[in-house]
Amino acid sequence: MDLRRAVARLPADMKLAIVLRYYLDLEFEDIGRVLGVSDKAAKARVHRALIRLRVDAGEMLNDA
């Protein structure tokens, strides 16, 4: 599985947080505004999404 597919498999809120942060290079305050949450909640969402991507990457390496 490549990175794009791993991101695509994320729940919508996590996927959007990752896209806003790493594809559009938005700050957490701006991500929070887009998502309708605080900047701390936006940071947590990105963090949880990264954890999930790491788990998926680990599974991908184990399957290889």
N, C-alpha and C. Protein backbone atom coordinates (compact mmCIF):
# COMPACT_ATOMS: atom_id res chain seq x y z
N MET A 1 0.86 -1.17 0.00
CA MET A 1 0.00 0.00 0.00
C MET A 1 0.90 1.24 0.00
N ASP A 2 0.59 2.19 -0.86
CA ASP A 2 1.37 3.41 -0.87
C ASP A 2 0.74 4.45 0.05
N LEU A 3 1.42 5.55 0.23
CA LEU A 3 0.98 6.58 1.15
C LEU A 3 -0.39 7.15 0.77
N ARG A 4 -0.60 7.35 -0.50
CA ARG A 4 -1.90 7.91 -0.93
C ARG A 4 -3.05 6.99 -0.56
N ARG A 5 -2.85 5.71 -0.76
CA ARG A 5 -3.91 4.75 -0.40
C ARG A 5 -4.10 4.69 1.10
N ALA A 6 -3.01 4.79 1.85
CA ALA A 6 -3.11 4.78 3.31
C ALA A 6 -3.89 6.00 3.80
N VAL A 7 -3.61 7.16 3.22
CA VAL A 7 -4.35 8.37 3.59
C VAL A 7 -5.81 8.23 3.19
N ALA A 8 -6.06 7.69 2.03
CA ALA A 8 -7.43 7.52 1.55
C ALA A 8 -8.25 6.61 2.47
N ARG A 9 -7.59 5.69 3.16
CA ARG A 9 -8.29 4.76 4.06
C ARG A 9 -8.64 5.38 5.41
N LEU A 10 -8.08 6.55 5.70
CA LEU A 10 -8.38 7.21 6.98
C LEU A 10 -9.84 7.66 7.02
N PRO A 11 -10.41 7.77 8.23
CA PRO A 11 -11.73 8.38 8.35
C PRO A 11 -11.69 9.82 7.80
N ALA A 12 -12.81 10.31 7.35
CA ALA A 12 -12.87 11.61 6.66
C ALA A 12 -12.24 12.75 7.46
N ASP A 13 -12.51 12.82 8.78
CA ASP A 13 -11.98 13.94 9.55
C ASP A 13 -10.45 13.87 9.67
N MET A 14 -9.91 12.66 9.80
CA MET A 14 -8.46 12.51 9.86
C MET A 14 -7.82 12.80 8.51
N LYS A 15 -8.45 12.30 7.46
CA LYS A 15 -7.93 12.53 6.11
C LYS A 15 -7.87 14.03 5.81
N LEU A 16 -8.93 14.74 6.14
CA LEU A 16 -8.96 16.17 5.89
C LEU A 16 -7.88 16.88 6.70
N ALA A 17 -7.69 16.49 7.94
CA ALA A 17 -6.66 17.11 8.78
C ALA A 17 -5.27 16.90 8.18
N ILE A 18 -4.99 15.70 7.70
CA ILE A 18 -3.69 15.41 7.07
C ILE A 18 -3.51 16.22 5.80
N VAL A 19 -4.54 16.27 4.97
CA VAL A 19 -4.45 17.03 3.72
C VAL A 19 -4.21 18.50 4.01
N LEU A 20 -4.94 19.05 4.96
CA LEU A 20 -4.78 20.47 5.28
C LEU A 20 -3.38 20.76 5.83
N ARG A 21 -2.87 19.86 6.66
CA ARG A 21 -1.57 20.09 7.30
C ARG A 21 -0.40 19.85 6.35
N TYR A 22 -0.39 18.73 5.67
CA TYR A 22 0.79 18.33 4.91
C TYR A 22 0.71 18.56 3.40
N TYR A 23 -0.48 18.66 2.87
CA TYR A 23 -0.59 18.95 1.44
C TYR A 23 -0.76 20.45 1.21
N LEU A 24 -1.54 21.09 2.10
CA LEU A 24 -1.78 22.53 1.95
C LEU A 24 -0.95 23.38 2.91
N ASP A 25 -0.21 22.73 3.81
CA ASP A 25 0.72 23.38 4.72
C ASP A 25 0.06 24.43 5.62
N LEU A 26 -1.15 24.12 6.11
CA LEU A 26 -1.86 25.04 7.00
C LEU A 26 -1.38 24.87 8.43
N GLU A 27 -1.45 25.94 9.19
CA GLU A 27 -1.15 25.91 10.62
C GLU A 27 -2.34 25.29 11.34
N PHE A 28 -2.11 24.82 12.59
CA PHE A 28 -3.18 24.17 13.34
C PHE A 28 -4.36 25.11 13.61
N GLU A 29 -4.08 26.38 13.80
CA GLU A 29 -5.16 27.35 14.01
C GLU A 29 -6.08 27.41 12.78
N ASP A 30 -5.48 27.42 11.59
CA ASP A 30 -6.26 27.45 10.35
C ASP A 30 -7.00 26.13 10.12
N ILE A 31 -6.35 25.03 10.44
CA ILE A 31 -7.01 23.72 10.33
C ILE A 31 -8.22 23.67 11.25
N GLY A 32 -8.06 24.18 12.47
CA GLY A 32 -9.17 24.23 13.41
C GLY A 32 -10.34 25.02 12.87
N ARG A 33 -10.03 26.15 12.24
CA ARG A 33 -11.11 26.97 11.66
C ARG A 33 -11.86 26.20 10.58
N VAL A 34 -11.13 25.51 9.72
CA VAL A 34 -11.76 24.74 8.64
C VAL A 34 -12.61 23.62 9.21
N LEU A 35 -12.08 22.94 10.23
CA LEU A 35 -12.79 21.79 10.81
C LEU A 35 -13.84 22.20 11.84
N GLY A 36 -13.83 23.46 12.26
CA GLY A 36 -14.78 23.91 13.27
C GLY A 36 -14.42 23.45 14.67
N VAL A 37 -13.10 23.31 14.93
CA VAL A 37 -12.62 22.89 16.24
C VAL A 37 -11.50 23.83 16.68
N SER A 38 -11.05 23.66 17.91
CA SER A 38 -9.94 24.48 18.40
C SER A 38 -8.63 24.04 17.74
N ASP A 39 -7.63 24.89 17.87
CA ASP A 39 -6.33 24.52 17.31
C ASP A 39 -5.75 23.30 18.02
N LYS A 40 -6.02 23.16 19.32
CA LYS A 40 -5.55 21.98 20.05
C LYS A 40 -6.24 20.71 19.55
N ALA A 41 -7.52 20.80 19.27
CA ALA A 41 -8.25 19.64 18.73
C ALA A 41 -7.75 19.30 17.33
N ALA A 42 -7.43 20.32 16.54
CA ALA A 42 -6.90 20.08 15.20
C ALA A 42 -5.55 19.37 15.29
N LYS A 43 -4.71 19.81 16.23
CA LYS A 43 -3.40 19.17 16.41
C LYS A 43 -3.56 17.72 16.84
N ALA A 44 -4.51 17.47 17.73
CA ALA A 44 -4.77 16.10 18.18
C ALA A 44 -5.26 15.23 17.04
N ARG A 45 -6.09 15.79 16.18
CA ARG A 45 -6.62 15.02 15.05
C ARG A 45 -5.51 14.63 14.08
N VAL A 46 -4.61 15.57 13.82
CA VAL A 46 -3.48 15.28 12.95
C VAL A 46 -2.60 14.21 13.60
N HIS A 47 -2.36 14.35 14.89
CA HIS A 47 -1.53 13.39 15.62
C HIS A 47 -2.13 11.98 15.56
N ARG A 48 -3.43 11.87 15.80
CA ARG A 48 -4.08 10.56 15.75
C ARG A 48 -4.03 9.96 14.35
N ALA A 49 -4.16 10.81 13.34
CA ALA A 49 -4.08 10.34 11.96
C ALA A 49 -2.67 9.82 11.66
N LEU A 50 -1.65 10.51 12.14
CA LEU A 50 -0.28 10.06 11.92
C LEU A 50 -0.02 8.72 12.60
N ILE A 51 -0.55 8.55 13.80
CA ILE A 51 -0.41 7.27 14.50
C ILE A 51 -1.04 6.16 13.66
N ARG A 52 -2.21 6.43 13.16
CA ARG A 52 -2.91 5.42 12.34
C ARG A 52 -2.12 5.09 11.07
N LEU A 53 -1.54 6.12 10.45
CA LEU A 53 -0.74 5.88 9.25
C LEU A 53 0.50 5.05 9.59
N ARG A 54 1.11 5.31 10.74
CA ARG A 54 2.27 4.51 11.15
C ARG A 54 1.90 3.06 11.36
N VAL A 55 0.74 2.83 11.96
CA VAL A 55 0.28 1.45 12.17
C VAL A 55 0.06 0.78 10.82
N ASP A 56 -0.59 1.48 9.90
CA ASP A 56 -0.81 0.93 8.56
C ASP A 56 0.51 0.64 7.86
N ALA A 57 1.49 1.54 8.03
CA ALA A 57 2.79 1.35 7.40
C ALA A 57 3.48 0.11 7.98
N GLY A 58 3.36 -0.07 9.30
CA GLY A 58 3.94 -1.24 9.93
C GLY A 58 3.32 -2.53 9.42
N GLU A 59 2.01 -2.52 9.25
CA GLU A 59 1.32 -3.69 8.70
C GLU A 59 1.77 -3.94 7.26
N MET A 60 1.96 -2.86 6.53
CA MET A 60 2.38 -2.98 5.14
C MET A 60 3.78 -3.62 5.08
N LEU A 61 4.66 -3.21 5.98
CA LEU A 61 6.01 -3.78 5.99
C LEU A 61 5.99 -5.25 6.41
N ASN A 62 5.10 -5.59 7.34
CA ASN A 62 5.00 -6.97 7.79
C ASN A 62 4.44 -7.88 6.71
N ASP A 63 3.58 -7.31 5.85
CA ASP A 63 2.98 -8.10 4.77
C ASP A 63 3.94 -8.32 3.60
N ALA A 64 4.97 -7.52 3.54
CA ALA A 64 5.90 -7.58 2.38
C ALA A 64 6.81 -8.77 2.45
